[in-house]
């Protein structure tokens, strides 16, 4: 992942080491910063600039080129190789590019942090809902309504395994028989390079928290883990070749930006110092075309007051959900699931152990220390056949949101 702040000088040096399995493939490569406004010579489109040749003579320094990007605006972008882009992107040459507001760009939009008290202000008025521990990297844009507590990148892609096999076979066939891209028909769908249930395990590229905090700000973890009442940002990126209708259970999101541009609704809301659902773009399914990005903010609202009483005690002459589940369990105990089942068996270190939410039914109805939390909500590609890999379900573009109980202060208030 590549990231920086508004006003930074970002330099990306590309060295083309070739492919271990196909050492005789002499492909050039480039870096295209998708959505970045850069000069033609730095755009990474080889037909109007250049490519970097493969490093053949390892006894000498490798040929390389350094790209330069000076971000003027915050938002979510991406990068990818643009040499034979139809093939190289399909082969996985892409990643997320994130630009945060700087303290300076926030200040130009009236958002400042007091040096003495640490509080945040908007045009001099204190903002009590933003904690003093927040930094400029807790904002998606130069807008007060883009504040978030945690963020997650959802980099979506798809794979046609026949095409991948064909690329490998080119090194074995004489003459080669190239794959025709018009025959593209994916059979694998990924989130951050992995499919469910691996989307629930720790990502191998995530730095340990003991590392420099600058490296742990954002990563490719696709398992969303937040507390009740926190706001979390989903940076949606579609690097696949198909449109993705990304559906989120349990919550309605607020669109704060698209293609690194602030939502005009939020700009209007801030100009009028007012925001509500009628003045914002909301939704529960985000349709993302290839090459598009969306920034979505979700408030993890507490659902206990609405639902716990019915689950435990029943309501409006309906028996409690617990009673209903007990009857179902007596008929077929396989009908009561752990959530989720399969990832528990994955052989990965630091696997997040998930809790069976039905345990709420084992508690006393008057037990304030209930088992309502954690709550689990899936989010997935709603072309549901893409929640498979090579026909296996559930798999593919699917992951989960875990919402824990509020912190102690919030818990006491409730």
Protein backbone atom coordinates (compact mmCIF):
# COMPACT_ATOMS: atom_id res chain seq x y z
CA UNK A 1 0.00 0.00 0.00
CA UNK A 2 1.17 3.52 -0.82
CA UNK A 3 -0.04 6.48 1.20
CA UNK A 4 0.82 10.05 2.12
CA UNK A 5 -0.68 13.41 2.99
CA UNK A 6 -1.76 16.42 0.97
CA UNK A 7 1.36 18.38 0.06
CA UNK A 8 3.78 15.47 0.45
CA UNK A 9 6.37 14.63 -2.18
CA UNK A 10 5.80 10.94 -2.91
CA UNK A 11 8.53 9.08 -4.80
CA UNK A 12 8.03 5.52 -6.09
CA UNK A 13 11.07 3.73 -7.49
CA UNK A 14 10.28 0.79 -9.78
CA UNK A 15 12.75 -2.08 -10.25
CA UNK A 16 11.63 -4.85 -12.58
CA UNK A 17 13.08 -8.15 -11.29
CA UNK A 18 11.06 -10.36 -13.62
CA UNK A 19 9.20 -13.54 -12.68
CA UNK A 20 10.68 -16.50 -10.83
CA UNK A 21 8.58 -19.06 -12.71
CA UNK A 22 9.08 -17.44 -16.15
CA UNK A 23 12.59 -15.95 -16.11
CA UNK A 24 12.71 -15.56 -19.89
CA UNK A 25 9.65 -13.27 -20.07
CA UNK A 26 11.15 -9.86 -20.92
CA UNK A 27 8.06 -7.80 -20.02
CA UNK A 28 8.43 -4.08 -19.33
CA UNK A 29 6.50 -2.63 -16.39
CA UNK A 30 5.22 0.78 -15.24
CA UNK A 31 3.47 2.39 -12.28
CA UNK A 32 0.25 4.23 -13.09
CA UNK A 33 -1.16 6.18 -10.16
CA UNK A 34 -4.81 5.81 -11.06
CA UNK A 35 -6.64 9.07 -10.37
CA UNK A 36 -3.51 11.12 -9.68
CA UNK A 37 -3.16 14.33 -11.67
CA UNK A 38 0.45 14.07 -12.82
CA UNK A 39 2.45 15.06 -15.89
CA UNK A 40 2.30 12.78 -18.94
CA UNK A 41 5.89 11.65 -18.42
CA UNK A 42 4.99 10.31 -14.95
CA UNK A 43 1.60 8.81 -15.77
CA UNK A 44 2.85 5.26 -16.34
CA UNK A 45 0.97 4.89 -19.62
CA UNK A 46 3.78 3.42 -21.73
CA UNK A 47 2.37 4.45 -25.11
CA UNK A 48 2.96 8.09 -24.15
CA UNK A 49 5.89 7.71 -21.75
CA UNK A 50 8.15 4.69 -21.01
CA UNK A 51 8.50 1.26 -19.44
CA UNK A 52 11.13 -0.16 -17.10
CA UNK A 53 13.04 -3.14 -18.56
CA UNK A 54 13.72 -6.32 -16.65
CA UNK A 55 16.89 -6.60 -14.59
CA UNK A 56 18.90 -9.19 -16.55
CA UNK A 57 22.52 -8.66 -15.55
CA UNK A 58 22.40 -8.97 -11.76
CA UNK A 59 26.10 -8.24 -11.51
CA UNK A 60 25.24 -4.62 -12.35
CA UNK A 61 22.85 -2.16 -10.78
CA UNK A 62 19.26 -2.70 -12.03
CA UNK A 63 17.60 -0.34 -14.48
CA UNK A 64 14.98 1.68 -12.63
CA UNK A 65 12.80 4.76 -12.75
CA UNK A 66 11.39 6.92 -9.95
CA UNK A 67 7.87 8.28 -10.25
CA UNK A 68 6.88 11.51 -8.49
CA UNK A 69 3.44 12.45 -7.16
CA UNK A 70 2.51 15.64 -5.31
CA UNK A 71 -1.02 15.07 -3.97
CA UNK A 72 -3.14 18.20 -3.93
CA UNK A 73 -6.33 16.66 -2.55
CA UNK A 74 -7.15 13.83 -0.10
CA UNK A 75 -9.03 10.66 -0.98
CA UNK A 76 -8.78 7.02 -2.02
CA UNK A 77 -6.98 6.11 -5.25
CA UNK A 78 -5.13 3.07 -6.57
CA UNK A 79 -2.05 2.20 -8.60
CA UNK A 80 -1.32 -0.49 -11.18
CA UNK A 81 0.96 -1.46 -14.03
CA UNK A 82 -0.29 0.00 -17.33
CA UNK A 83 1.94 -2.09 -19.61
CA UNK A 84 -0.37 -4.57 -21.32
CA UNK A 85 -2.79 -3.47 -18.61
CA UNK A 86 -5.47 -6.00 -19.55
CA UNK A 87 -3.07 -8.80 -18.61
CA UNK A 88 -0.80 -7.26 -15.98
CA UNK A 89 -3.66 -5.99 -13.82
CA UNK A 90 -5.32 -9.39 -14.06
CA UNK A 91 -2.04 -10.93 -12.88
CA UNK A 92 -2.15 -8.84 -9.70
CA UNK A 93 0.02 -5.77 -10.37
CA UNK A 94 -2.02 -3.26 -8.37
CA UNK A 95 -2.50 -1.79 -4.91
CA UNK A 96 -4.20 0.91 -2.85
CA UNK A 97 -3.07 4.54 -2.88
CA UNK A 98 -4.41 6.62 0.03
CA UNK A 99 -4.01 10.38 0.52
CA UNK A 100 -4.86 11.91 3.91
CA UNK A 101 -5.58 15.57 4.59
CA UNK A 102 -2.67 17.44 6.13
CA UNK A 103 -3.01 19.72 9.15
CA UNK A 104 -2.51 22.59 6.71
CA UNK A 105 -5.23 21.49 4.29
CA UNK A 106 -7.65 20.99 7.20
CA UNK A 107 -6.86 24.45 8.54
CA UNK A 108 -7.60 26.01 5.15
CA UNK A 109 -11.08 24.53 5.55
CA UNK A 110 -11.58 25.83 9.08
CA UNK A 111 -10.64 22.60 10.93
CA UNK A 112 -7.94 23.19 13.55
CA UNK A 113 -6.55 21.55 16.68
CA UNK A 114 -5.82 23.66 19.76
CA UNK A 115 -2.18 23.34 20.78
CA UNK A 116 -2.93 23.86 24.48
CA UNK A 117 -6.06 21.79 25.16
CA UNK A 118 -5.80 19.39 22.22
CA UNK A 119 -9.45 19.92 21.27
CA UNK A 120 -10.65 20.17 17.70
CA UNK A 121 -12.44 23.25 16.39
CA UNK A 122 -14.41 24.25 13.30
CA UNK A 123 -14.02 27.95 12.56
CA UNK A 124 -13.27 28.48 16.26
CA UNK A 125 -16.17 26.44 17.66
CA UNK A 126 -15.13 23.42 19.72
CA UNK A 127 -16.08 20.00 18.37
CA UNK A 128 -16.89 17.84 21.38
CA UNK A 129 -17.56 14.64 19.40
CA UNK A 130 -13.98 14.41 18.12
CA UNK A 131 -11.51 13.06 20.71
CA UNK A 132 -8.33 14.92 21.55
CA UNK A 133 -6.32 11.88 20.48
CA UNK A 134 -7.50 12.30 16.87
CA UNK A 135 -5.03 13.43 14.22
CA UNK A 136 -5.37 14.72 10.67
CA UNK A 137 -5.37 11.06 9.62
CA UNK A 138 -8.77 10.60 11.26
CA UNK A 139 -10.34 12.57 8.42
CA UNK A 140 -11.00 11.21 4.95
CA UNK A 141 -11.35 14.72 3.45
CA UNK A 142 -10.98 18.34 4.45
CA UNK A 143 -14.46 18.19 5.92
CA UNK A 144 -15.58 17.77 9.51
CA UNK A 145 -18.21 15.17 8.59
CA UNK A 146 -15.51 12.87 7.19
CA UNK A 147 -14.14 12.12 10.68
CA UNK A 148 -13.71 8.41 11.51
CA UNK A 149 -12.34 6.33 14.39
CA UNK A 150 -11.01 3.39 12.32
CA UNK A 151 -10.49 2.73 8.62
CA UNK A 152 -10.35 -0.30 6.36
CA UNK A 153 -9.37 -0.76 2.72
CA UNK A 154 -11.53 -3.12 0.65
CA UNK A 155 -9.53 -3.75 -2.54
CA UNK A 156 -11.78 -5.87 -4.77
CA UNK A 157 -10.55 -7.98 -7.69
CA UNK A 158 -11.45 -10.99 -9.80
CA UNK A 159 -9.49 -13.81 -11.44
CA UNK A 160 -10.01 -15.98 -14.48
CA UNK A 161 -7.83 -18.98 -13.58
CA UNK A 162 -7.67 -20.04 -17.25
CA UNK A 163 -5.98 -16.75 -18.11
CA UNK A 164 -3.45 -17.19 -15.30
CA UNK A 165 -2.68 -20.72 -16.43
CA UNK A 166 -2.34 -19.49 -19.99
CA UNK A 167 0.25 -16.87 -18.98
CA UNK A 168 2.28 -19.57 -17.27
CA UNK A 169 1.91 -21.86 -20.28
CA UNK A 170 3.38 -19.23 -22.61
CA UNK A 171 6.78 -20.14 -21.27
CA UNK A 172 6.19 -23.79 -22.09
CA UNK A 173 4.51 -23.64 -25.53
CA UNK A 174 6.24 -23.08 -28.85
CA UNK A 175 4.70 -21.20 -30.51
CA UNK A 176 2.73 -19.59 -27.63
CA UNK A 177 -1.06 -19.43 -27.85
CA UNK A 178 -2.15 -16.24 -26.05
CA UNK A 179 -5.42 -15.94 -24.13
CA UNK A 180 -8.07 -13.79 -25.79
CA UNK A 181 -9.28 -11.28 -23.14
CA UNK A 182 -12.76 -11.17 -24.68
CA UNK A 183 -13.15 -14.71 -23.31
CA UNK A 184 -12.63 -13.42 -19.75
CA UNK A 185 -14.87 -15.28 -17.31
CA UNK A 186 -13.71 -15.06 -13.68
CA UNK A 187 -14.08 -17.98 -11.30
CA UNK A 188 -12.35 -16.44 -8.24
CA UNK A 189 -13.29 -13.21 -6.44
CA UNK A 190 -11.06 -11.54 -3.85
CA UNK A 191 -10.97 -8.90 -1.11
CA UNK A 192 -7.47 -7.53 -0.50
CA UNK A 193 -6.04 -10.42 -2.50
CA UNK A 194 -7.80 -13.17 -0.52
CA UNK A 195 -11.13 -14.96 -0.46
CA UNK A 196 -13.43 -15.95 2.41
CA UNK A 197 -12.70 -17.47 4.87
CA UNK A 198 -9.13 -16.14 4.66
CA UNK A 199 -10.61 -12.61 4.66
CA UNK A 200 -11.27 -13.13 8.39
CA UNK A 201 -7.67 -13.91 9.34
CA UNK A 202 -4.77 -11.56 9.93
CA UNK A 203 -3.33 -10.24 6.69
CA UNK A 204 0.33 -11.19 6.14
CA UNK A 205 1.21 -7.61 5.12
CA UNK A 206 -0.05 -6.04 8.36
CA UNK A 207 2.72 -4.58 10.51
CA UNK A 208 2.92 -5.42 14.19
CA UNK A 209 1.65 -2.64 16.47
CA UNK A 210 5.14 -2.30 17.98
CA UNK A 211 6.39 -1.01 14.63
CA UNK A 212 6.48 2.73 13.84
CA UNK A 213 2.89 3.98 14.09
CA UNK A 214 3.29 5.64 10.68
CA UNK A 215 3.27 2.13 9.20
CA UNK A 216 0.19 0.91 11.08
CA UNK A 217 -2.23 3.69 10.17
CA UNK A 218 -3.83 1.72 7.37
CA UNK A 219 -3.42 -1.84 6.10
CA UNK A 220 -5.12 -4.61 4.12
CA UNK A 221 -7.06 -6.18 7.01
CA UNK A 222 -10.49 -7.04 5.61
CA UNK A 223 -12.03 -8.26 8.88
CA UNK A 224 -13.63 -5.12 10.32
CA UNK A 225 -13.46 -5.02 14.13
CA UNK A 226 -14.94 -1.97 15.89
CA UNK A 227 -16.71 -0.96 19.10
CA UNK A 228 -20.33 0.09 19.35
CA UNK A 229 -20.76 3.84 18.64
CA UNK A 230 -17.49 4.08 16.72
CA UNK A 231 -17.41 5.50 13.20
CA UNK A 232 -15.48 3.46 10.66
CA UNK A 233 -14.42 4.27 7.13
CA UNK A 234 -14.47 1.73 4.30
CA UNK A 235 -12.20 2.68 1.39
CA UNK A 236 -13.81 0.72 -1.44
CA UNK A 237 -11.58 0.11 -4.50
CA UNK A 238 -12.59 -1.97 -7.50
CA UNK A 239 -9.57 -3.26 -9.40
CA UNK A 240 -11.58 -6.09 -10.94
CA UNK A 241 -13.00 -6.11 -14.44
CA UNK A 242 -16.64 -6.43 -13.36
CA UNK A 243 -19.05 -4.11 -11.57
CA UNK A 244 -19.40 -4.97 -7.87
CA UNK A 245 -22.65 -4.33 -5.94
CA UNK A 246 -21.09 -4.28 -2.45
CA UNK A 247 -23.79 -4.99 0.14
CA UNK A 248 -23.35 -4.30 3.86
CA UNK A 249 -25.63 -5.98 6.40
CA UNK A 250 -26.90 -4.21 9.49
CA UNK A 251 -25.92 -0.66 8.63
CA UNK A 252 -26.62 2.13 6.20
CA UNK A 253 -23.45 3.88 5.09
CA UNK A 254 -22.86 7.53 4.28
CA UNK A 255 -20.99 8.27 1.06
CA UNK A 256 -18.33 10.84 1.97
CA UNK A 257 -16.45 10.74 -1.31
CA UNK A 258 -16.06 9.17 -4.74
CA UNK A 259 -12.89 8.96 -6.81
CA UNK A 260 -11.06 11.18 -4.25
CA UNK A 261 -13.70 13.93 -4.42
CA UNK A 262 -15.73 15.02 -1.41
CA UNK A 263 -19.45 14.37 -1.65
CA UNK A 264 -21.19 17.63 -2.68
CA UNK A 265 -23.87 16.85 -0.08
CA UNK A 266 -21.27 17.05 2.69
CA UNK A 267 -19.82 20.25 1.30
CA UNK A 268 -23.33 21.75 1.37
CA UNK A 269 -23.97 20.41 4.88
CA UNK A 270 -20.79 21.95 6.25
CA UNK A 271 -21.46 25.29 4.58
CA UNK A 272 -24.79 25.33 6.42
CA UNK A 273 -23.37 23.83 9.66
CA UNK A 274 -26.00 21.13 9.56
CA UNK A 275 -26.10 17.48 8.61
CA UNK A 276 -28.74 14.78 8.63
CA UNK A 277 -29.69 11.83 6.46
CA UNK A 278 -31.78 14.03 4.19
CA UNK A 279 -28.69 16.04 3.30
CA UNK A 280 -26.37 13.12 2.61
CA UNK A 281 -26.10 10.23 0.19
CA UNK A 282 -26.92 7.07 2.13
CA UNK A 283 -27.24 3.42 1.15
CA UNK A 284 -26.80 -0.23 2.00
CA UNK A 285 -25.46 -1.39 -1.38
CA UNK A 286 -22.63 0.47 -3.12
CA UNK A 287 -22.31 -0.21 -6.85
CA UNK A 288 -18.64 0.14 -7.79
CA UNK A 289 -17.45 0.05 -11.39
CA UNK A 290 -14.00 -1.09 -12.44
CA UNK A 291 -11.48 1.62 -11.62
CA UNK A 292 -13.81 3.45 -9.23
CA UNK A 293 -13.31 4.22 -5.54
CA UNK A 294 -15.85 5.14 -2.86
CA UNK A 295 -15.33 6.30 0.71
CA UNK A 296 -18.11 5.09 3.02
CA UNK A 297 -18.55 5.95 6.70
CA UNK A 298 -20.67 3.79 9.01
CA UNK A 299 -21.73 4.58 12.58
CA UNK A 300 -21.87 1.40 14.63
CA UNK A 301 -25.04 2.28 16.50
CA UNK A 302 -26.16 0.30 19.56
CA UNK A 303 -29.04 -2.02 18.64
CA UNK A 304 -29.74 -3.45 22.11
CA UNK A 305 -32.70 -1.21 22.95
CA UNK A 306 -34.42 -2.22 19.74
CA UNK A 307 -33.79 -5.97 19.72
CA UNK A 308 -32.50 -7.48 22.96
CA UNK A 309 -35.87 -7.49 24.71
CA UNK A 310 -37.51 -9.43 21.88
CA UNK A 311 -34.63 -11.89 21.60
CA UNK A 312 -34.65 -12.69 25.33
CA UNK A 313 -38.22 -11.98 26.50
CA UNK A 314 -40.45 -11.94 23.44
CA UNK A 315 -42.76 -9.13 22.40
CA UNK A 316 -46.30 -8.42 21.13
CA UNK A 317 -47.46 -11.95 22.03
CA UNK A 318 -44.58 -13.55 20.13
CA UNK A 319 -42.38 -15.90 22.16
CA UNK A 320 -38.76 -14.93 22.63
CA UNK A 321 -36.33 -15.76 19.88
CA UNK A 322 -34.50 -17.91 22.42
CA UNK A 323 -37.61 -20.05 22.93
CA UNK A 324 -38.04 -20.41 19.19
CA UNK A 325 -34.40 -21.41 18.76
CA UNK A 326 -34.67 -23.99 21.54
CA UNK A 327 -37.53 -25.64 19.68
CA UNK A 328 -35.55 -25.59 16.44
CA UNK A 329 -32.51 -27.02 18.23
CA UNK A 330 -34.57 -29.96 19.53
CA UNK A 331 -35.67 -30.72 15.97
CA UNK A 332 -32.25 -30.24 14.33
CA UNK A 333 -29.29 -28.99 16.33
CA UNK A 334 -27.33 -28.42 13.11
CA UNK A 335 -29.69 -25.54 12.35
CA UNK A 336 -28.09 -23.35 15.06
CA UNK A 337 -24.79 -22.14 13.66
CA UNK A 338 -21.61 -20.79 15.10
CA UNK A 339 -20.72 -17.52 13.40
CA UNK A 340 -18.79 -18.22 11.32
CA UNK A 341 -17.95 -21.92 11.35
CA UNK A 342 -15.21 -22.51 8.83
CA UNK A 343 -12.51 -19.92 9.68
CA UNK A 344 -12.02 -21.45 13.13
CA UNK A 345 -10.31 -24.36 11.39
CA UNK A 346 -7.95 -22.24 9.29
CA UNK A 347 -4.30 -22.76 10.17
CA UNK A 348 -3.20 -19.15 10.55
CA UNK A 349 -1.44 -17.45 13.49
CA UNK A 350 -3.34 -14.89 15.57
CA UNK A 351 -6.65 -16.12 14.21
CA UNK A 352 -9.54 -14.04 15.49
CA UNK A 353 -11.78 -16.36 17.48
CA UNK A 354 -15.42 -15.57 16.90
CA UNK A 355 -18.20 -16.08 19.41
CA UNK A 356 -21.53 -17.81 18.93
CA UNK A 357 -24.08 -15.03 19.19
CA UNK A 358 -26.80 -17.47 20.27
CA UNK A 359 -25.12 -17.57 23.70
CA UNK A 360 -27.35 -14.64 24.61
CA UNK A 361 -30.07 -17.24 25.15
CA UNK A 362 -28.07 -18.87 27.95
CA UNK A 363 -28.23 -15.70 30.05
CA UNK A 364 -30.79 -14.53 32.57
CA UNK A 365 -33.26 -12.06 31.01
CA UNK A 366 -32.31 -9.56 33.71
CA UNK A 367 -28.57 -10.01 33.35
CA UNK A 368 -27.19 -6.61 32.36
CA UNK A 369 -23.87 -8.21 31.49
CA UNK A 370 -25.58 -9.93 28.59
CA UNK A 371 -24.17 -11.80 25.60
CA UNK A 372 -25.67 -9.41 23.06
CA UNK A 373 -22.16 -8.50 22.01
CA UNK A 374 -20.28 -9.08 19.87
CA UNK A 375 -22.56 -8.60 16.89
CA UNK A 376 -21.50 -9.95 13.47
CA UNK A 377 -22.56 -8.49 10.14
CA UNK A 378 -21.44 -9.80 6.75
CA UNK A 379 -20.59 -7.62 3.78
CA UNK A 380 -20.20 -9.10 0.33
CA UNK A 381 -20.62 -8.90 -3.42
CA UNK A 382 -24.37 -9.15 -3.99
CA UNK A 383 -23.91 -10.85 -7.32
CA UNK A 384 -24.13 -13.79 -4.95
CA UNK A 385 -22.56 -16.29 -7.31
CA UNK A 386 -19.38 -14.26 -6.72
CA UNK A 387 -19.47 -15.26 -3.05
CA UNK A 388 -17.91 -18.45 -4.39
CA UNK A 389 -14.53 -19.55 -5.66
CA UNK A 390 -14.65 -22.07 -8.47
CA UNK A 391 -18.23 -22.87 -7.42
CA UNK A 392 -17.52 -23.32 -3.69
CA UNK A 393 -19.88 -21.44 -1.32
CA UNK A 394 -19.41 -19.52 0.92
CA UNK A 395 -16.17 -18.17 -0.46
CA UNK A 396 -15.08 -15.33 -2.69
CA UNK A 397 -15.90 -11.68 -1.97
CA UNK A 398 -17.24 -12.01 1.55
CA UNK A 399 -16.02 -10.74 4.90
CA UNK A 400 -17.44 -9.74 8.29
CA UNK A 401 -17.90 -6.76 10.60
CA UNK A 402 -17.54 -7.51 14.32
CA UNK A 403 -19.06 -4.91 16.65
CA UNK A 404 -18.07 -5.17 20.33
CA UNK A 405 -19.80 -3.65 23.34
CA UNK A 406 -19.18 0.05 23.97
CA UNK A 407 -16.23 1.04 26.14
CA UNK A 408 -16.76 1.31 29.92
CA UNK A 409 -17.82 4.95 29.90
CA UNK A 410 -20.46 4.40 27.23
CA UNK A 411 -21.56 1.16 28.90
CA UNK A 412 -22.27 2.97 32.21
CA UNK A 413 -24.28 5.66 30.44
CA UNK A 414 -26.48 2.97 28.90
